[in-house]
Amino acid sequence: MEEAFEIPVLYKGQELLFPARLLNVGYSHKFLVTINGLEFFFEQDNNGKYRALVTASNQVDVKNLDADLLKAIAESIESILN
């Protein structure tokens, strides 16, 4: 079982903490991050940058999220790993 941790994110001048888990998927990995009660997977693209995946379960509610927040979380993941 994956251990939970928090990802610190600087967003609009505030430091926010988001609960997350690292999931091993075959030879790869994903981060499962909870944002306002919704779970988002973050995975690497072909360039090694992280991106949020929108699933059927959070597709409707993602319209209410600021895309810049998702980008800030992805950037925070990248900075933690580098």
C-alpha atoms as a PDB file:
ATOM      1  CA  MET A   1       0.000   0.000   0.000  1.00  0.00           C
ATOM      2  CA  GLU A   2       1.259   3.459  -0.893  1.00  0.00           C
ATOM      3  CA  GLU A   3       1.996   5.886   1.908  1.00  0.00           C
ATOM      4  CA  ALA A   4       0.238   9.249   1.908  1.00  0.00           C
ATOM      5  CA  PHE A   5       2.146  12.545   1.998  1.00  0.00           C
ATOM      6  CA  GLU A   6       1.454  16.195   1.252  1.00  0.00           C
ATOM      7  CA  ILE A   7       2.647  18.226  -1.720  1.00  0.00           C
ATOM      8  CA  PRO A   8       3.377  21.876  -0.904  1.00  0.00           C
ATOM      9  CA  VAL A   9       2.292  24.259  -3.664  1.00  0.00           C
ATOM     10  CA  LEU A  10       2.850  28.002  -3.906  1.00  0.00           C
ATOM     11  CA  TYR A  11      -0.267  29.382  -5.592  1.00  0.00           C
ATOM     12  CA  LYS A  12      -1.340  33.033  -5.785  1.00  0.00           C
ATOM     13  CA  GLY A  13       0.990  33.969  -2.956  1.00  0.00           C
ATOM     14  CA  GLN A  14      -0.221  31.230  -0.606  1.00  0.00           C
ATOM     15  CA  GLU A  15       1.436  27.959   0.316  1.00  0.00           C
ATOM     16  CA  LEU A  16      -1.130  25.184   0.023  1.00  0.00           C
ATOM     17  CA  LEU A  17      -0.784  21.521   0.953  1.00  0.00           C
ATOM     18  CA  PHE A  18      -2.468  18.784  -1.060  1.00  0.00           C
ATOM     19  CA  PRO A  19      -2.730  15.156   0.080  1.00  0.00           C
ATOM     20  CA  ALA A  20      -1.066  12.793  -2.373  1.00  0.00           C
ATOM     21  CA  ARG A  21       0.097   9.234  -2.937  1.00  0.00           C
ATOM     22  CA  LEU A  22       2.716   7.817  -5.263  1.00  0.00           C
ATOM     23  CA  LEU A  23       1.395   4.882  -7.302  1.00  0.00           C
ATOM     24  CA  ASN A  24       3.644   2.428  -9.108  1.00  0.00           C
ATOM     25  CA  VAL A  25       2.067   1.439 -12.408  1.00  0.00           C
ATOM     26  CA  GLY A  26       4.067  -1.204 -14.258  1.00  0.00           C
ATOM     27  CA  TYR A  27       7.400   0.391 -15.121  1.00  0.00           C
ATOM     28  CA  SER A  28       6.064   3.883 -14.501  1.00  0.00           C
ATOM     29  CA  HIS A  29       4.488   5.893 -11.710  1.00  0.00           C
ATOM     30  CA  LYS A  30       1.679   8.380 -11.132  1.00  0.00           C
ATOM     31  CA  PHE A  31       0.815  10.759  -8.343  1.00  0.00           C
ATOM     32  CA  LEU A  32      -2.742  10.709  -7.043  1.00  0.00           C
ATOM     33  CA  VAL A  33      -3.475  14.189  -5.659  1.00  0.00           C
ATOM     34  CA  THR A  34      -6.679  15.225  -3.895  1.00  0.00           C
ATOM     35  CA  ILE A  35      -7.867  18.735  -4.777  1.00  0.00           C
ATOM     36  CA  ASN A  36     -11.081  20.020  -3.203  1.00  0.00           C
ATOM     37  CA  GLY A  37     -12.282  16.461  -2.632  1.00  0.00           C
ATOM     38  CA  LEU A  38     -11.526  15.325  -6.206  1.00  0.00           C
ATOM     39  CA  GLU A  39      -8.714  12.958  -7.114  1.00  0.00           C
ATOM     40  CA  PHE A  40      -6.408  13.787 -10.002  1.00  0.00           C
ATOM     41  CA  PHE A  41      -3.666  11.655 -11.463  1.00  0.00           C
ATOM     42  CA  PHE A  42      -0.451  13.416 -12.424  1.00  0.00           C
ATOM     43  CA  GLU A  43       1.861  11.572 -14.785  1.00  0.00           C
ATOM     44  CA  GLN A  44       4.863  12.382 -16.943  1.00  0.00           C
ATOM     45  CA  ASP A  45       4.425  13.196 -20.601  1.00  0.00           C
ATOM     46  CA  ASN A  46       6.969  12.286 -23.299  1.00  0.00           C
ATOM     47  CA  ASN A  47       9.102  15.315 -22.360  1.00  0.00           C
ATOM     48  CA  GLY A  48       9.288  14.342 -18.687  1.00  0.00           C
ATOM     49  CA  LYS A  49       6.929  17.108 -17.552  1.00  0.00           C
ATOM     50  CA  TYR A  50       4.012  16.257 -15.278  1.00  0.00           C
ATOM     51  CA  ARG A  51       0.421  16.835 -16.328  1.00  0.00           C
ATOM     52  CA  ALA A  52      -2.970  16.345 -14.705  1.00  0.00           C
ATOM     53  CA  LEU A  53      -5.269  13.735 -16.155  1.00  0.00           C
ATOM     54  CA  VAL A  54      -8.978  14.412 -16.255  1.00  0.00           C
ATOM     55  CA  THR A  55     -11.059  11.282 -15.737  1.00  0.00           C
ATOM     56  CA  ALA A  56     -14.751  10.649 -16.157  1.00  0.00           C
ATOM     57  CA  SER A  57     -15.207  10.904 -12.373  1.00  0.00           C
ATOM     58  CA  ASN A  58     -13.852  14.470 -12.160  1.00  0.00           C
ATOM     59  CA  GLN A  59     -14.555  15.763 -15.672  1.00  0.00           C
ATOM     60  CA  VAL A  60     -17.618  17.827 -14.743  1.00  0.00           C
ATOM     61  CA  ASP A  61     -16.099  19.361 -11.614  1.00  0.00           C
ATOM     62  CA  VAL A  62     -12.769  20.235 -13.264  1.00  0.00           C
ATOM     63  CA  LYS A  63     -14.473  23.161 -14.994  1.00  0.00           C
ATOM     64  CA  ASN A  64     -14.658  24.854 -11.582  1.00  0.00           C
ATOM     65  CA  LEU A  65     -10.899  24.460 -10.967  1.00  0.00           C
ATOM     66  CA  ASP A  66      -8.345  27.007 -12.063  1.00  0.00           C
ATOM     67  CA  ALA A  67      -6.071  25.428 -14.691  1.00  0.00           C
ATOM     68  CA  ASP A  68      -3.202  27.406 -13.187  1.00  0.00           C
ATOM     69  CA  LEU A  69      -3.649  25.456  -9.939  1.00  0.00           C
ATOM     70  CA  LEU A  70      -3.179  22.171 -11.794  1.00  0.00           C
ATOM     71  CA  LYS A  71      -0.072  23.606 -13.468  1.00  0.00           C
ATOM     72  CA  ALA A  72       1.284  24.793 -10.113  1.00  0.00           C
ATOM     73  CA  ILE A  73       0.842  21.307  -8.639  1.00  0.00           C
ATOM     74  CA  ALA A  74       2.590  19.714 -11.619  1.00  0.00           C
ATOM     75  CA  GLU A  75       5.476  22.190 -11.278  1.00  0.00           C
ATOM     76  CA  SER A  76       5.716  21.459  -7.567  1.00  0.00           C
ATOM     77  CA  ILE A  77       5.957  17.713  -8.252  1.00  0.00           C
ATOM     78  CA  GLU A  78       8.723  18.362 -10.768  1.00  0.00           C
ATOM     79  CA  SER A  79      10.656  20.581  -8.357  1.00  0.00           C
ATOM     80  CA  ILE A  80      10.422  17.999  -5.580  1.00  0.00           C
ATOM     81  CA  LEU A  81      11.826  15.286  -7.843  1.00  0.00           C
ATOM     82  CA  ASN A  82      14.688  17.398  -9.231  1.00  0.00           C
END
